[in-house]
Amino acid sequence: MGRSLFRTSLFRRARLWAAGTLMAAGAVGLAAAPASAWTGGNVWVNFGSWNCPAGGSVVGVYWAVDAYSSGPATGDWGDNVIYPRVRVGSGSYNTLSYQVVCKKWGWYQYKGVVSQRTLTPYKSGLSYTY
């Protein structure tokens, strides 16, 4: 009788030890789970003339990427290209808000519609056309 009690006690100890080991392994696995792995980088964004609803071509852009980065308060002038700082890599998600300035008929300029696009670049230096 003493022997069966000893066997039961060993069996219970082994089960408890196995359960504790599995719980510890699970806790280590949860602690080692990677967070989002995005970093900062830049991408090229080109704006086509189709962004000018009344015709003309893009000569300036007002833009911001969430609260992460933004262009000059006076706008980015001279061409239809911007190079915004964005989140790049795994877990990256950026909302680019922009308004183009269009030139038509010599000195006549007007602002296009305020728009938004989602950027999820996997590396820095990519090019987007909107």
Protein backbone atom coordinates (compact mmCIF):
# COMPACT_ATOMS: atom_id res chain seq x y z
CA MET A 1 0.00 0.00 0.00
CA GLY A 2 2.82 2.36 0.73
CA ARG A 3 4.23 1.63 -2.68
CA SER A 4 1.07 2.64 -4.63
CA LEU A 5 0.90 5.90 -2.66
CA PHE A 6 4.51 6.61 -3.65
CA ARG A 7 3.72 5.93 -7.32
CA THR A 8 0.70 8.24 -7.23
CA SER A 9 2.76 10.96 -5.64
CA LEU A 10 5.46 10.65 -8.34
CA PHE A 11 2.82 10.66 -11.07
CA ARG A 12 1.22 13.83 -9.64
CA ARG A 13 4.61 15.50 -9.30
CA ALA A 14 5.47 14.68 -12.91
CA ARG A 15 2.15 16.09 -14.14
CA LEU A 16 2.59 19.27 -12.12
CA TRP A 17 6.17 19.64 -13.36
CA ALA A 18 5.04 19.16 -17.01
CA ALA A 19 2.20 21.65 -16.61
CA GLY A 20 4.53 24.20 -15.04
CA THR A 21 7.08 23.74 -17.82
CA LEU A 22 4.44 24.25 -20.51
CA MET A 23 3.15 27.38 -18.78
CA ALA A 24 6.67 28.80 -18.50
CA ALA A 25 7.35 28.06 -22.17
CA GLY A 26 4.09 29.79 -23.11
CA ALA A 27 5.01 32.85 -21.07
CA VAL A 28 8.43 33.03 -22.74
CA GLY A 29 6.76 32.65 -26.16
CA LEU A 30 4.39 35.54 -25.41
CA ALA A 31 7.16 37.74 -24.11
CA ALA A 32 9.23 37.10 -27.25
CA ALA A 33 6.43 38.03 -29.66
CA PRO A 34 7.68 40.85 -31.92
CA ALA A 35 5.97 44.22 -31.84
CA SER A 36 5.39 46.06 -35.09
CA ALA A 37 8.76 46.41 -36.76
CA TRP A 38 8.36 49.64 -38.71
CA THR A 39 11.08 52.25 -38.90
CA GLY A 40 11.21 55.73 -40.36
CA GLY A 41 12.03 56.24 -44.04
CA ASN A 42 11.05 58.26 -47.09
CA VAL A 43 9.15 57.51 -50.30
CA TRP A 44 8.61 59.44 -53.53
CA VAL A 45 5.04 60.51 -54.31
CA ASN A 46 4.24 61.85 -57.80
CA PHE A 47 0.97 63.65 -58.50
CA GLY A 48 -0.42 63.43 -62.02
CA SER A 49 -2.34 66.18 -63.81
CA TRP A 50 -5.55 64.14 -63.35
CA ASN A 51 -5.56 65.64 -59.82
CA CYS A 52 -6.44 68.99 -61.42
CA PRO A 53 -10.22 68.81 -61.96
CA ALA A 54 -10.37 71.95 -64.14
CA GLY A 55 -7.26 71.05 -66.15
CA GLY A 56 -3.70 72.25 -65.96
CA SER A 57 -0.72 70.69 -64.23
CA VAL A 58 0.39 70.23 -60.62
CA VAL A 59 2.88 72.88 -59.47
CA GLY A 60 2.57 72.59 -55.69
CA VAL A 61 1.37 70.27 -52.94
CA TYR A 62 0.20 70.78 -49.36
CA TRP A 63 0.65 67.48 -47.51
CA ALA A 64 0.86 65.63 -44.18
CA VAL A 65 1.34 62.00 -43.15
CA ASP A 66 -0.87 61.46 -40.10
CA ALA A 67 0.80 63.36 -37.23
CA TYR A 68 4.13 61.76 -38.22
CA SER A 69 5.40 64.29 -40.78
CA SER A 70 4.25 67.20 -42.91
CA GLY A 71 5.40 69.50 -45.65
CA PRO A 72 6.11 73.18 -45.21
CA ALA A 73 3.16 75.26 -44.05
CA THR A 74 3.47 77.31 -47.23
CA GLY A 75 3.37 74.17 -49.42
CA ASP A 76 5.91 72.27 -51.49
CA TRP A 77 6.35 74.18 -54.76
CA GLY A 78 8.07 73.82 -58.11
CA ASP A 79 7.00 70.38 -59.27
CA ASN A 80 4.53 67.55 -58.74
CA VAL A 81 6.79 65.39 -56.49
CA ILE A 82 7.12 65.16 -52.71
CA TYR A 83 9.46 63.03 -50.56
CA PRO A 84 7.60 62.58 -47.25
CA ARG A 85 8.93 60.87 -44.12
CA VAL A 86 6.79 57.75 -43.55
CA ARG A 87 6.67 54.57 -41.47
CA VAL A 88 8.39 51.77 -43.42
CA GLY A 89 8.45 47.99 -42.92
CA SER A 90 6.32 45.41 -41.20
CA GLY A 91 3.33 46.98 -39.49
CA SER A 92 3.74 50.28 -41.31
CA TYR A 93 0.54 52.17 -42.07
CA ASN A 94 0.48 55.77 -43.25
CA THR A 95 -2.37 58.03 -44.30
CA LEU A 96 -1.17 60.71 -46.71
CA SER A 97 -3.47 63.74 -46.82
CA TYR A 98 -2.81 66.18 -49.62
CA GLN A 99 -4.12 69.05 -51.71
CA VAL A 100 -2.49 69.92 -55.02
CA VAL A 101 -2.15 73.38 -56.52
CA CYS A 102 -2.74 73.45 -60.27
CA LYS A 103 -1.46 75.93 -62.83
CA LYS A 104 -3.53 76.79 -65.87
CA TRP A 105 -3.37 79.65 -68.39
CA GLY A 106 -0.15 81.44 -67.53
CA TRP A 107 -0.37 82.80 -63.99
CA TYR A 108 -3.78 81.34 -63.09
CA GLN A 109 -3.53 78.81 -60.24
CA TYR A 110 -6.16 77.00 -58.20
CA LYS A 111 -6.32 74.37 -55.47
CA GLY A 112 -7.53 70.85 -56.20
CA VAL A 113 -9.67 68.66 -53.96
CA VAL A 114 -8.30 67.57 -50.56
CA SER A 115 -7.62 63.83 -50.79
CA GLN A 116 -6.18 60.94 -48.80
CA ARG A 117 -4.23 57.81 -49.75
CA THR A 118 -2.90 54.91 -47.71
CA LEU A 119 0.78 54.05 -47.94
CA THR A 120 2.23 50.77 -46.61
CA PRO A 121 5.80 50.74 -47.94
CA TYR A 122 8.00 47.73 -47.22
CA LYS A 123 11.22 49.70 -47.79
CA SER A 124 12.42 53.27 -48.11
CA GLY A 125 12.81 54.90 -51.53
CA LEU A 126 9.72 53.42 -53.19
CA SER A 127 7.77 55.54 -55.68
CA TYR A 128 4.00 56.06 -55.72
CA THR A 129 1.92 57.85 -58.35
CA TYR A 130 -1.46 59.37 -57.53
